[in-house]
Amino acid sequence: MNPDTDLPLLLSLVLRFWLVAHAWVLLVRWAEARVTRPTVPSPGSIEKETS
């Protein structure tokens, strides 16, 4: 087996892994930001609490 013939395959696997890993990190960070974002109370709920 010639190591030079496996280089394009290895590079494509590394590139795919890198892309999937970064996409996963972005997806997880987006989901965490969406879940932990503070909610703004609606004006109707503020009036109910004060009365």
PDB file of N, CA and C in Angstrom:
ATOM      1  N   MET A   1       0.842  -1.181   0.000  1.00  0.00           N
ATOM      2  CA  MET A   1       0.000   0.000   0.000  1.00  0.00           C
ATOM      3  C   MET A   1       0.892   1.251   0.000  1.00  0.00           C
ATOM      4  N   ASN A   2       0.611   2.146  -0.921  1.00  0.00           N
ATOM      5  CA  ASN A   2       1.394   3.360  -1.072  1.00  0.00           C
ATOM      6  C   ASN A   2       0.781   4.464  -0.196  1.00  0.00           C
ATOM      7  N   PRO A   3       1.546   5.073   0.722  1.00  0.00           N
ATOM      8  CA  PRO A   3       0.993   6.117   1.606  1.00  0.00           C
ATOM      9  C   PRO A   3       0.524   7.355   0.847  1.00  0.00           C
ATOM     10  N   ASP A   4       1.098   7.618  -0.322  1.00  0.00           N
ATOM     11  CA  ASP A   4       0.707   8.811  -1.079  1.00  0.00           C
ATOM     12  C   ASP A   4      -0.717   8.716  -1.613  1.00  0.00           C
ATOM     13  N   THR A   5      -1.209   7.520  -1.864  1.00  0.00           N
ATOM     14  CA  THR A   5      -2.562   7.375  -2.400  1.00  0.00           C
ATOM     15  C   THR A   5      -3.616   7.593  -1.326  1.00  0.00           C
ATOM     16  N   ASP A   6      -3.269   7.426  -0.060  1.00  0.00           N
ATOM     17  CA  ASP A   6      -4.221   7.606   1.037  1.00  0.00           C
ATOM     18  C   ASP A   6      -4.300   9.058   1.502  1.00  0.00           C
ATOM     19  N   LEU A   7      -3.407   9.900   1.061  1.00  0.00           N
ATOM     20  CA  LEU A   7      -3.393  11.281   1.526  1.00  0.00           C
ATOM     21  C   LEU A   7      -4.667  12.041   1.173  1.00  0.00           C
ATOM     22  N   PRO A   8      -5.193  11.987  -0.046  1.00  0.00           N
ATOM     23  CA  PRO A   8      -6.442  12.705  -0.339  1.00  0.00           C
ATOM     24  C   PRO A   8      -7.621  12.201   0.511  1.00  0.00           C
ATOM     25  N   LEU A   9      -7.674  10.901   0.739  1.00  0.00           N
ATOM     26  CA  LEU A   9      -8.736  10.345   1.575  1.00  0.00           C
ATOM     27  C   LEU A   9      -8.607  10.849   3.006  1.00  0.00           C
ATOM     28  N   LEU A  10      -7.401  10.844   3.515  1.00  0.00           N
ATOM     29  CA  LEU A  10      -7.157  11.317   4.875  1.00  0.00           C
ATOM     30  C   LEU A  10      -7.514  12.798   5.011  1.00  0.00           C
ATOM     31  N   LEU A  11      -7.112  13.601   4.053  1.00  0.00           N
ATOM     32  CA  LEU A  11      -7.421  15.029   4.093  1.00  0.00           C
ATOM     33  C   LEU A  11      -8.927  15.287   4.006  1.00  0.00           C
ATOM     34  N   SER A  12      -9.624  14.509   3.185  1.00  0.00           N
ATOM     35  CA  SER A  12     -11.072  14.702   3.085  1.00  0.00           C
ATOM     36  C   SER A  12     -11.765  14.297   4.389  1.00  0.00           C
ATOM     37  N   LEU A  13     -11.283  13.226   5.032  1.00  0.00           N
ATOM     38  CA  LEU A  13     -11.857  12.834   6.317  1.00  0.00           C
ATOM     39  C   LEU A  13     -11.598  13.876   7.393  1.00  0.00           C
ATOM     40  N   VAL A  14     -10.411  14.432   7.421  1.00  0.00           N
ATOM     41  CA  VAL A  14     -10.077  15.473   8.393  1.00  0.00           C
ATOM     42  C   VAL A  14     -10.939  16.709   8.150  1.00  0.00           C
ATOM     43  N   LEU A  15     -11.110  17.092   6.903  1.00  0.00           N
ATOM     44  CA  LEU A  15     -11.926  18.257   6.580  1.00  0.00           C
ATOM     45  C   LEU A  15     -13.381  18.045   6.983  1.00  0.00           C
ATOM     46  N   ARG A  16     -13.913  16.869   6.688  1.00  0.00           N
ATOM     47  CA  ARG A  16     -15.300  16.577   7.076  1.00  0.00           C
ATOM     48  C   ARG A  16     -15.470  16.579   8.587  1.00  0.00           C
ATOM     49  N   PHE A  17     -14.526  15.971   9.305  1.00  0.00           N
ATOM     50  CA  PHE A  17     -14.598  15.970  10.757  1.00  0.00           C
ATOM     51  C   PHE A  17     -14.554  17.387  11.296  1.00  0.00           C
ATOM     52  N   TRP A  18     -13.654  18.218  10.748  1.00  0.00           N
ATOM     53  CA  TRP A  18     -13.516  19.605  11.194  1.00  0.00           C
ATOM     54  C   TRP A  18     -14.816  20.371  10.962  1.00  0.00           C
ATOM     55  N   LEU A  19     -15.424  20.188   9.794  1.00  0.00           N
ATOM     56  CA  LEU A  19     -16.672  20.883   9.493  1.00  0.00           C
ATOM     57  C   LEU A  19     -17.812  20.424  10.399  1.00  0.00           C
ATOM     58  N   VAL A  20     -17.928  19.129  10.604  1.00  0.00           N
ATOM     59  CA  VAL A  20     -18.993  18.605  11.464  1.00  0.00           C
ATOM     60  C   VAL A  20     -18.784  19.052  12.908  1.00  0.00           C
ATOM     61  N   ALA A  21     -17.560  19.028  13.378  1.00  0.00           N
ATOM     62  CA  ALA A  21     -17.280  19.444  14.756  1.00  0.00           C
ATOM     63  C   ALA A  21     -17.632  20.914  14.967  1.00  0.00           C
ATOM     64  N   HIS A  22     -17.275  21.766  14.028  1.00  0.00           N
ATOM     65  CA  HIS A  22     -17.578  23.186  14.179  1.00  0.00           C
ATOM     66  C   HIS A  22     -19.077  23.457  14.040  1.00  0.00           C
ATOM     67  N   ALA A  23     -19.738  22.761  13.150  1.00  0.00           N
ATOM     68  CA  ALA A  23     -21.184  22.914  13.029  1.00  0.00           C
ATOM     69  C   ALA A  23     -21.872  22.473  14.313  1.00  0.00           C
ATOM     70  N   TRP A  24     -21.397  21.395  14.916  1.00  0.00           N
ATOM     71  CA  TRP A  24     -21.981  20.904  16.165  1.00  0.00           C
ATOM     72  C   TRP A  24     -21.787  21.926  17.282  1.00  0.00           C
ATOM     73  N   VAL A  25     -20.592  22.500  17.383  1.00  0.00           N
ATOM     74  CA  VAL A  25     -20.324  23.516  18.415  1.00  0.00           C
ATOM     75  C   VAL A  25     -21.239  24.712  18.219  1.00  0.00           C
ATOM     76  N   LEU A  26     -21.402  25.165  16.994  1.00  0.00           N
ATOM     77  CA  LEU A  26     -22.291  26.303  16.745  1.00  0.00           C
ATOM     78  C   LEU A  26     -23.736  25.976  17.091  1.00  0.00           C
ATOM     79  N   LEU A  27     -24.179  24.775  16.768  1.00  0.00           N
ATOM     80  CA  LEU A  27     -25.535  24.364  17.090  1.00  0.00           C
ATOM     81  C   LEU A  27     -25.750  24.301  18.599  1.00  0.00           C
ATOM     82  N   VAL A  28     -24.813  23.746  19.321  1.00  0.00           N
ATOM     83  CA  VAL A  28     -24.938  23.647  20.782  1.00  0.00           C
ATOM     84  C   VAL A  28     -24.916  25.027  21.417  1.00  0.00           C
ATOM     85  N   ARG A  29     -24.034  25.894  20.962  1.00  0.00           N
ATOM     86  CA  ARG A  29     -23.983  27.255  21.526  1.00  0.00           C
ATOM     87  C   ARG A  29     -25.262  28.020  21.237  1.00  0.00           C
ATOM     88  N   TRP A  30     -25.822  27.860  20.036  1.00  0.00           N
ATOM     89  CA  TRP A  30     -27.080  28.516  19.695  1.00  0.00           C
ATOM     90  C   TRP A  30     -28.201  28.000  20.593  1.00  0.00           C
ATOM     91  N   ALA A  31     -28.251  26.688  20.800  1.00  0.00           N
ATOM     92  CA  ALA A  31     -29.301  26.098  21.625  1.00  0.00           C
ATOM     93  C   ALA A  31     -29.170  26.554  23.082  1.00  0.00           C
ATOM     94  N   GLU A  32     -27.952  26.604  23.598  1.00  0.00           N
ATOM     95  CA  GLU A  32     -27.755  27.062  24.971  1.00  0.00           C
ATOM     96  C   GLU A  32     -28.149  28.524  25.122  1.00  0.00           C
ATOM     97  N   ALA A  33     -27.813  29.351  24.162  1.00  0.00           N
ATOM     98  CA  ALA A  33     -28.174  30.759  24.231  1.00  0.00           C
ATOM     99  C   ALA A  33     -29.689  30.928  24.149  1.00  0.00           C
ATOM    100  N   ARG A  34     -30.330  30.104  23.359  1.00  0.00           N
ATOM    101  CA  ARG A  34     -31.785  30.180  23.222  1.00  0.00           C
ATOM    102  C   ARG A  34     -32.487  29.750  24.505  1.00  0.00           C
ATOM    103  N   VAL A  35     -31.968  28.740  25.165  1.00  0.00           N
ATOM    104  CA  VAL A  35     -32.590  28.231  26.384  1.00  0.00           C
ATOM    105  C   VAL A  35     -32.342  29.163  27.562  1.00  0.00           C
ATOM    106  N   THR A  36     -31.161  29.740  27.658  1.00  0.00           N
ATOM    107  CA  THR A  36     -30.804  30.537  28.833  1.00  0.00           C
ATOM    108  C   THR A  36     -31.085  32.023  28.668  1.00  0.00           C
ATOM    109  N   ARG A  37     -31.661  32.427  27.557  1.00  0.00           N
ATOM    110  CA  ARG A  37     -31.916  33.851  27.346  1.00  0.00           C
ATOM    111  C   ARG A  37     -33.044  34.290  28.287  1.00  0.00           C
ATOM    112  N   PRO A  38     -32.902  35.457  28.936  1.00  0.00           N
ATOM    113  CA  PRO A  38     -33.952  35.916  29.850  1.00  0.00           C
ATOM    114  C   PRO A  38     -35.226  36.270  29.086  1.00  0.00           C
ATOM    115  N   THR A  39     -36.354  35.969  29.686  1.00  0.00           N
ATOM    116  CA  THR A  39     -37.632  36.285  29.054  1.00  0.00           C
ATOM    117  C   THR A  39     -38.108  37.645  29.525  1.00  0.00           C
ATOM    118  N   VAL A  40     -38.681  38.395  28.638  1.00  0.00           N
ATOM    119  CA  VAL A  40     -39.225  39.709  28.954  1.00  0.00           C
ATOM    120  C   VAL A  40     -40.698  39.523  29.316  1.00  0.00           C
ATOM    121  N   PRO A  41     -41.089  39.946  30.508  1.00  0.00           N
ATOM    122  CA  PRO A  41     -42.499  39.756  30.875  1.00  0.00           C
ATOM    123  C   PRO A  41     -43.408  40.633  30.027  1.00  0.00           C
ATOM    124  N   SER A  42     -44.567  40.111  29.725  1.00  0.00           N
ATOM    125  CA  SER A  42     -45.529  40.898  28.947  1.00  0.00           C
ATOM    126  C   SER A  42     -46.177  41.944  29.849  1.00  0.00           C
ATOM    127  N   PRO A  43     -46.660  43.046  29.285  1.00  0.00           N
ATOM    128  CA  PRO A  43     -47.279  44.104  30.103  1.00  0.00           C
ATOM    129  C   PRO A  43     -48.472  43.586  30.919  1.00  0.00           C
ATOM    130  N   GLY A  44     -49.209  42.634  30.422  1.00  0.00           N
ATOM    131  CA  GLY A  44     -50.356  42.102  31.144  1.00  0.00           C
ATOM    132  C   GLY A  44     -49.947  41.372  32.415  1.00  0.00           C
ATOM    133  N   SER A  45     -48.816  40.678  32.398  1.00  0.00           N
ATOM    134  CA  SER A  45     -48.387  39.942  33.582  1.00  0.00           C
ATOM    135  C   SER A  45     -47.878  40.884  34.664  1.00  0.00           C
ATOM    136  N   ILE A  46     -47.343  42.040  34.298  1.00  0.00           N
ATOM    137  CA  ILE A  46     -46.869  43.010  35.292  1.00  0.00           C
ATOM    138  C   ILE A  46     -48.071  43.609  36.024  1.00  0.00           C
ATOM    139  N   GLU A  47     -49.144  43.912  35.324  1.00  0.00           N
ATOM    140  CA  GLU A  47     -50.330  44.478  35.959  1.00  0.00           C
ATOM    141  C   GLU A  47     -50.965  43.484  36.913  1.00  0.00           C
ATOM    142  N   LYS A  48     -50.944  42.212  36.602  1.00  0.00           N
ATOM    143  CA  LYS A  48     -51.535  41.189  37.467  1.00  0.00           C
ATOM    144  C   LYS A  48     -50.735  41.041  38.760  1.00  0.00           C
ATOM    145  N   GLU A  49     -49.418  41.188  38.692  1.00  0.00           N
ATOM    146  CA  GLU A  49     -48.579  41.043  39.874  1.00  0.00           C
ATOM    147  C   GLU A  49     -48.724  42.220  40.832  1.00  0.00           C
ATOM    148  N   THR A  50     -48.940  43.414  40.315  1.00  0.00           N
ATOM    149  CA  THR A  50     -49.004  44.600  41.181  1.00  0.00           C
ATOM    150  C   THR A  50     -50.379  44.780  41.810  1.00  0.00           C
ATOM    151  N   SER A  51     -51.427  44.176  41.280  1.00  0.00           N
ATOM    152  CA  SER A  51     -52.754  44.394  41.861  1.00  0.00           C
ATOM    153  C   SER A  51     -53.117  43.353  42.881  1.00  0.00           C
TER     154      SER A  51
END
